[in-house]
Amino acid sequence: MSDIRKDKIKMLVVCIGNIARGDDGLGWRFADMLDELALQNVTIEYRYQLQVEDTLMVCEFPLVVFVDSTEEILENGFSFTKCMPATNYFFSSHMQNPENILYLSETLYSQTPEAYLLAMEGEDWELGNRLSEKAETHLQKAFKHFISFLDAQ
């Protein structure tokens, strides 16, 4: 797998979550797995949540993948979808979603990276640093899909 990203496009993978809140830690667990591969041209960022300040970071890459857990019921336990800029912006000094970050990237810096959202279904959001069995299964499926995506780039 070490050749997966050789001479490929620079990519940012923004993994969102909180490892101390059960399945909310899916994003960070994904980041840990990806980091173990030590892939060229892939930058991994851990975030508790997206903030306005992340906009500039996103602008530095032609390809961005946001990774997060969700309470939604997803076919196969995960989804991998194209992420487009929001059509307008809502102000919050606290949390932003990927679409808002892309909107700000486009509006403030005239940069619109190709972006995707990898969402993984979780079920346990209580305090604790363990993933539920279901979330662990979804993580493995999502990671396998992501590696196929990398191969295609």
Protein backbone atom coordinates (compact mmCIF):
# COMPACT_ATOMS: atom_id res chain seq x y z
CA MET A 1 0.00 0.00 0.00
CA SER A 2 2.92 2.39 0.34
CA ASP A 3 2.76 3.22 -3.38
CA ILE A 4 -0.91 4.24 -3.32
CA ARG A 5 -0.24 7.99 -3.29
CA LYS A 6 3.01 8.21 -5.25
CA ASP A 7 2.88 11.13 -7.71
CA LYS A 8 -0.77 11.75 -6.87
CA ILE A 9 -2.72 14.90 -6.08
CA LYS A 10 -2.24 16.51 -2.66
CA MET A 11 -5.10 15.59 -0.36
CA LEU A 12 -6.33 16.85 3.00
CA VAL A 13 -8.32 14.47 5.19
CA VAL A 14 -10.11 16.28 8.02
CA CYS A 15 -11.26 13.80 10.66
CA ILE A 16 -13.88 15.15 13.03
CA GLY A 17 -14.94 13.72 16.36
CA ASN A 18 -14.27 13.17 20.02
CA ILE A 19 -12.55 9.93 20.97
CA ALA A 20 -13.91 10.25 24.53
CA ARG A 21 -17.56 10.10 23.38
CA GLY A 22 -17.97 6.54 22.11
CA ASP A 23 -18.86 6.37 18.42
CA ASP A 24 -18.23 10.10 18.02
CA GLY A 25 -14.60 8.96 17.90
CA LEU A 26 -15.07 7.27 14.51
CA GLY A 27 -13.40 10.17 12.67
CA TRP A 28 -10.31 10.06 14.85
CA ARG A 29 -10.06 6.27 14.67
CA PHE A 30 -10.20 6.61 10.88
CA ALA A 31 -7.38 9.18 11.08
CA ASP A 32 -5.28 6.82 13.18
CA MET A 33 -5.72 4.02 10.64
CA LEU A 34 -4.86 6.32 7.75
CA ASP A 35 -1.84 7.73 9.56
CA GLU A 36 -0.41 4.22 9.97
CA LEU A 37 -0.15 3.98 6.18
CA ALA A 38 2.20 7.01 6.03
CA LEU A 39 0.95 7.94 2.57
CA GLN A 40 2.71 10.56 0.48
CA ASN A 41 0.77 13.74 -0.31
CA VAL A 42 -1.93 13.01 2.29
CA THR A 43 -2.27 15.43 5.19
CA ILE A 44 -4.41 14.30 8.10
CA GLU A 45 -6.01 16.73 10.53
CA TYR A 46 -7.86 15.87 13.73
CA ARG A 47 -10.70 18.20 14.72
CA TYR A 48 -13.27 18.16 17.51
CA GLN A 49 -15.40 20.27 15.18
CA LEU A 50 -14.94 22.43 12.12
CA GLN A 51 -14.43 26.14 12.71
CA VAL A 52 -14.21 29.20 10.49
CA GLU A 53 -10.42 29.13 10.88
CA ASP A 54 -10.29 25.80 9.02
CA THR A 55 -11.27 27.58 5.81
CA LEU A 56 -7.75 28.73 5.00
CA MET A 57 -6.35 25.24 5.59
CA VAL A 58 -8.88 23.75 3.16
CA CYS A 59 -7.86 26.27 0.49
CA GLU A 60 -4.34 24.89 0.41
CA PHE A 61 -5.42 21.56 -1.08
CA PRO A 62 -7.04 20.62 -4.41
CA LEU A 63 -8.80 17.63 -2.79
CA VAL A 64 -10.38 17.48 0.68
CA VAL A 65 -12.19 14.64 2.41
CA PHE A 66 -14.14 15.34 5.60
CA VAL A 67 -14.61 12.27 7.82
CA ASP A 68 -17.21 12.21 10.59
CA SER A 69 -19.65 10.02 12.48
CA THR A 70 -23.40 10.35 12.15
CA GLU A 71 -26.53 9.22 13.94
CA GLU A 72 -28.22 8.73 10.55
CA ILE A 73 -29.00 5.20 9.44
CA LEU A 74 -26.85 4.67 6.34
CA GLU A 75 -26.98 1.92 3.77
CA ASN A 76 -23.86 -0.22 4.36
CA GLY A 77 -23.17 1.78 7.55
CA PHE A 78 -21.34 4.60 5.76
CA SER A 79 -21.69 7.03 2.89
CA PHE A 80 -19.12 8.72 0.67
CA THR A 81 -20.63 11.68 -1.14
CA LYS A 82 -19.47 14.70 -3.07
CA CYS A 83 -19.54 17.78 -0.86
CA MET A 84 -20.55 21.09 -2.42
CA PRO A 85 -20.30 24.60 -0.98
CA ALA A 86 -23.39 25.83 0.85
CA THR A 87 -25.47 28.36 -1.08
CA ASN A 88 -25.33 30.79 1.84
CA TYR A 89 -23.59 31.13 5.15
CA PHE A 90 -24.91 31.02 8.68
CA PHE A 91 -22.82 32.60 11.38
CA SER A 92 -21.75 30.54 14.33
CA SER A 93 -18.63 31.10 16.36
CA HIS A 94 -18.84 27.49 17.43
CA MET A 95 -19.42 24.75 14.85
CA GLN A 96 -19.37 24.73 11.06
CA ASN A 97 -20.27 21.98 8.62
CA PRO A 98 -18.15 21.04 5.57
CA GLU A 99 -20.51 22.85 3.18
CA ASN A 100 -20.05 26.11 5.11
CA ILE A 101 -16.27 25.75 5.12
CA LEU A 102 -16.36 25.26 1.34
CA TYR A 103 -18.67 28.28 0.96
CA LEU A 104 -16.19 30.43 2.88
CA SER A 105 -13.29 29.01 0.87
CA GLU A 106 -15.01 29.99 -2.35
CA THR A 107 -16.27 33.37 -1.13
CA LEU A 108 -13.21 34.60 0.77
CA TYR A 109 -10.35 33.01 -1.16
CA SER A 110 -11.83 32.09 -4.57
CA GLN A 111 -10.78 28.50 -3.93
CA THR A 112 -13.10 25.54 -4.31
CA PRO A 113 -11.32 22.27 -3.70
CA GLU A 114 -12.91 19.04 -4.84
CA ALA A 115 -14.46 17.76 -1.62
CA TYR A 116 -16.15 14.67 -0.24
CA LEU A 117 -17.86 13.72 3.00
CA LEU A 118 -17.26 10.27 4.43
CA ALA A 119 -19.91 9.68 7.09
CA MET A 120 -19.92 6.58 9.28
CA GLU A 121 -22.97 5.46 11.23
CA GLY A 122 -22.59 5.20 14.98
CA GLU A 123 -24.99 4.21 17.74
CA ASP A 124 -23.34 4.84 21.12
CA TRP A 125 -22.57 8.46 22.07
CA GLU A 126 -21.95 8.06 25.80
CA LEU A 127 -18.70 8.88 27.58
CA GLY A 128 -16.02 6.30 26.94
CA ASN A 129 -13.25 5.67 24.44
CA ARG A 130 -14.58 2.46 22.89
CA LEU A 131 -16.43 2.16 19.64
CA SER A 132 -19.57 0.07 19.54
CA GLU A 133 -19.31 -3.20 17.64
CA LYS A 134 -21.56 -1.79 14.94
CA ALA A 135 -19.43 1.37 14.58
CA GLU A 136 -16.25 -0.70 14.35
CA THR A 137 -17.79 -2.68 11.48
CA HIS A 138 -18.80 0.55 9.71
CA LEU A 139 -15.30 1.96 10.21
CA GLN A 140 -13.70 -1.07 8.55
CA LYS A 141 -16.07 -0.91 5.57
CA ALA A 142 -15.59 2.86 5.16
CA PHE A 143 -11.81 2.56 5.36
CA LYS A 144 -11.75 -0.15 2.71
CA HIS A 145 -13.89 2.06 0.44
CA PHE A 146 -11.60 5.04 1.05
CA ILE A 147 -8.52 3.02 0.09
CA SER A 148 -10.26 2.13 -3.20
CA PHE A 149 -10.96 5.85 -3.70
CA LEU A 150 -7.27 6.62 -3.14
CA ASP A 151 -6.25 4.00 -5.68
CA ALA A 152 -8.47 5.68 -8.27
CA GLN A 153 -6.97 9.15 -7.79
